[in-house]
Amino acid sequence: MATDNLELDDVRRMAAEVGMTHLNNTHLQELLRATNAARARRDALRTDTLTYADEPAHVYSLTAGDAP
């Protein structure tokens, strides 16, 4: 997990990689603050004992024909 805070150039590069090329400096600053806050919250969570069974998931079931 990344514990280093990102810089504005890091966020600009990441945004460009996903096609967000029209963001102005204000938008990039907001994205930078939000990303650093989300990373800090994520890094504070204990994940060393999590398993795949701990992941919440939606369960879908397909039925054949017109069965309800």
C-alpha atoms as a PDB file:
ATOM      1  CA  MET A   1       0.000   0.000   0.000  1.00  0.00           C
ATOM      2  CA  ALA A   2       1.207   3.432  -0.830  1.00  0.00           C
ATOM      3  CA  THR A   3       1.770   5.580   2.222  1.00  0.00           C
ATOM      4  CA  ASP A   4       3.444   8.514   0.453  1.00  0.00           C
ATOM      5  CA  ASN A   5       1.222  11.456  -0.406  1.00  0.00           C
ATOM      6  CA  LEU A   6       0.861  12.159  -4.078  1.00  0.00           C
ATOM      7  CA  GLU A   7       1.957  15.407  -5.684  1.00  0.00           C
ATOM      8  CA  LEU A   8      -0.022  17.422  -8.223  1.00  0.00           C
ATOM      9  CA  ASP A   9       2.068  16.089 -11.125  1.00  0.00           C
ATOM     10  CA  ASP A  10       1.323  12.501 -10.021  1.00  0.00           C
ATOM     11  CA  VAL A  11      -2.416  13.171 -10.071  1.00  0.00           C
ATOM     12  CA  ARG A  12      -2.167  14.969 -13.423  1.00  0.00           C
ATOM     13  CA  ARG A  13      -0.376  11.953 -14.924  1.00  0.00           C
ATOM     14  CA  MET A  14      -2.856   9.470 -13.410  1.00  0.00           C
ATOM     15  CA  ALA A  15      -5.814  11.515 -14.673  1.00  0.00           C
ATOM     16  CA  ALA A  16      -4.325  11.677 -18.167  1.00  0.00           C
ATOM     17  CA  GLU A  17      -3.845   7.896 -18.190  1.00  0.00           C
ATOM     18  CA  VAL A  18      -7.609   7.424 -17.798  1.00  0.00           C
ATOM     19  CA  GLY A  19      -8.552  10.147 -20.272  1.00  0.00           C
ATOM     20  CA  MET A  20      -9.228  13.000 -17.843  1.00  0.00           C
ATOM     21  CA  THR A  21      -7.190  15.495 -19.849  1.00  0.00           C
ATOM     22  CA  HIS A  22      -9.434  18.552 -19.537  1.00  0.00           C
ATOM     23  CA  LEU A  23      -9.119  19.095 -15.784  1.00  0.00           C
ATOM     24  CA  ASN A  24      -7.985  22.515 -14.651  1.00  0.00           C
ATOM     25  CA  ASN A  25      -5.700  23.156 -11.662  1.00  0.00           C
ATOM     26  CA  THR A  26      -8.651  23.554  -9.273  1.00  0.00           C
ATOM     27  CA  HIS A  27     -10.032  20.163 -10.300  1.00  0.00           C
ATOM     28  CA  LEU A  28      -6.603  18.577  -9.981  1.00  0.00           C
ATOM     29  CA  GLN A  29      -6.152  20.035  -6.486  1.00  0.00           C
ATOM     30  CA  GLU A  30      -9.542  18.604  -5.438  1.00  0.00           C
ATOM     31  CA  LEU A  31      -8.634  15.226  -6.912  1.00  0.00           C
ATOM     32  CA  LEU A  32      -5.271  15.344  -5.132  1.00  0.00           C
ATOM     33  CA  ARG A  33      -6.881  16.064  -1.743  1.00  0.00           C
ATOM     34  CA  ALA A  34      -9.522  13.376  -2.233  1.00  0.00           C
ATOM     35  CA  THR A  35      -7.000  10.769  -3.378  1.00  0.00           C
ATOM     36  CA  ASN A  36      -4.618  11.438  -0.490  1.00  0.00           C
ATOM     37  CA  ALA A  37      -7.517  11.295   1.992  1.00  0.00           C
ATOM     38  CA  ALA A  38      -8.802   8.020   0.518  1.00  0.00           C
ATOM     39  CA  ARG A  39      -5.322   6.487   0.631  1.00  0.00           C
ATOM     40  CA  ALA A  40      -4.870   7.538   4.262  1.00  0.00           C
ATOM     41  CA  ARG A  41      -8.215   5.968   5.217  1.00  0.00           C
ATOM     42  CA  ARG A  42      -7.427   2.789   3.282  1.00  0.00           C
ATOM     43  CA  ASP A  43      -4.000   2.469   4.892  1.00  0.00           C
ATOM     44  CA  ALA A  44      -5.581   2.819   8.355  1.00  0.00           C
ATOM     45  CA  LEU A  45      -7.729  -0.290   7.814  1.00  0.00           C
ATOM     46  CA  ARG A  46      -6.493  -3.636   9.041  1.00  0.00           C
ATOM     47  CA  THR A  47      -6.445  -5.939   6.042  1.00  0.00           C
ATOM     48  CA  ASP A  48      -3.870  -8.534   7.044  1.00  0.00           C
ATOM     49  CA  THR A  49      -6.525 -11.008   8.214  1.00  0.00           C
ATOM     50  CA  LEU A  50      -9.068 -10.473   5.418  1.00  0.00           C
ATOM     51  CA  THR A  51      -9.963 -13.322   3.091  1.00  0.00           C
ATOM     52  CA  TYR A  52     -12.012 -13.465  -0.102  1.00  0.00           C
ATOM     53  CA  ALA A  53     -15.012 -14.485   1.997  1.00  0.00           C
ATOM     54  CA  ASP A  54     -14.876 -11.074   3.713  1.00  0.00           C
ATOM     55  CA  GLU A  55     -15.503  -9.271   0.430  1.00  0.00           C
ATOM     56  CA  PRO A  56     -19.142  -8.214   0.087  1.00  0.00           C
ATOM     57  CA  ALA A  57     -20.642  -9.463  -3.135  1.00  0.00           C
ATOM     58  CA  HIS A  58     -23.920  -9.383  -4.958  1.00  0.00           C
ATOM     59  CA  VAL A  59     -25.228 -12.812  -5.837  1.00  0.00           C
ATOM     60  CA  TYR A  60     -27.182 -13.342  -9.020  1.00  0.00           C
ATOM     61  CA  SER A  61     -28.948 -16.503 -10.055  1.00  0.00           C
ATOM     62  CA  LEU A  62     -30.078 -17.325 -13.560  1.00  0.00           C
ATOM     63  CA  THR A  63     -33.139 -19.473 -14.014  1.00  0.00           C
ATOM     64  CA  ALA A  64     -34.113 -21.416 -17.107  1.00  0.00           C
ATOM     65  CA  GLY A  65     -37.307 -20.628 -18.962  1.00  0.00           C
ATOM     66  CA  ASP A  66     -40.060 -18.479 -17.509  1.00  0.00           C
ATOM     67  CA  ALA A  67     -39.611 -19.592 -13.909  1.00  0.00           C
ATOM     68  CA  PRO A  68     -40.044 -16.719 -11.427  1.00  0.00           C
END
